[in-house]
């Protein structure tokens, strides 16, 4: 009986105490309101594959899609509290954390895949990341791209400039709040016999990791996360570029002209989005050759 005691203790210790490998494994929880097959889901799955491969299993990534942790505002709350390490949200909903990011969802500012890539990479990409670190205690590791979208509204449109401005601003906020439901809602809206195409914009989603989660990783693991974010974004860019062109959307002409958008609509967002500066920065980025 006494001879069997040491063996029993060994078994007990092995069951109750984690091994060195288990202790070394870090869990990175990602939340999103979009489904797994979405563009955000494609980015997250590629990110997960790269991180777990490069870290040799020292980092395990868990992806919670389909609003498992709630909608975009809920995800940002979970990011702040630390219950989620990283989230991907729409630029419109990101205003709650870093107001300038809403610039990327302004009516008619960024409309094509090429413009979206230019507005989120290079010095402009660094600009958004610096704002997130300063104001949101978070870091952008990459972007996913969901293509251009035409926003519809029931017609006829108001005739006076003041009423038209209020109408479009209200429609814009409704669009931002819709989040991942925009694709579904757009089909219903465009099918309505009196629907009017208001404006077009490009849907993009920053993938951000919270400051508290970031600080828990070693410098070597941080390098892996940065590399994985960059390569997942490259993959997302390619996958979006390979999609067939939405000819109906491309041929649809919005009712609002560029002059109306720039002179009547955009100024209404200056106070909310940090002034005219972020808009000018994006315009410089997308017109750079």
Foldseek 3Di string as FASTA:
>chain_A
DVVCVVVVVVVVCPVPPDDPLVVQAAEAEEEAQADLPALVNLLLVLLQVLLCVVVVRSYHYHYHYNQPQHHDVSVLVCLVVVVHFKYKFWLLSCLVQALQSCLQLAFPLAAFLLLVVLCCDDPNVVVVQVSCVVGRQKGFLAKAWRHKDWQKDFDDADDDLVRNQVVVQVSSNVCSVCTPCNVVVRVVQVPDPRIAGAGMHTIMITMIGHNVSLVVDDPVSNVSSNVSRVVSNVVNSVVVVPDDDPVVVVPHDHPDDPCCSVPRHVVVCQVSNVHCVSSVVSNCRSPPD
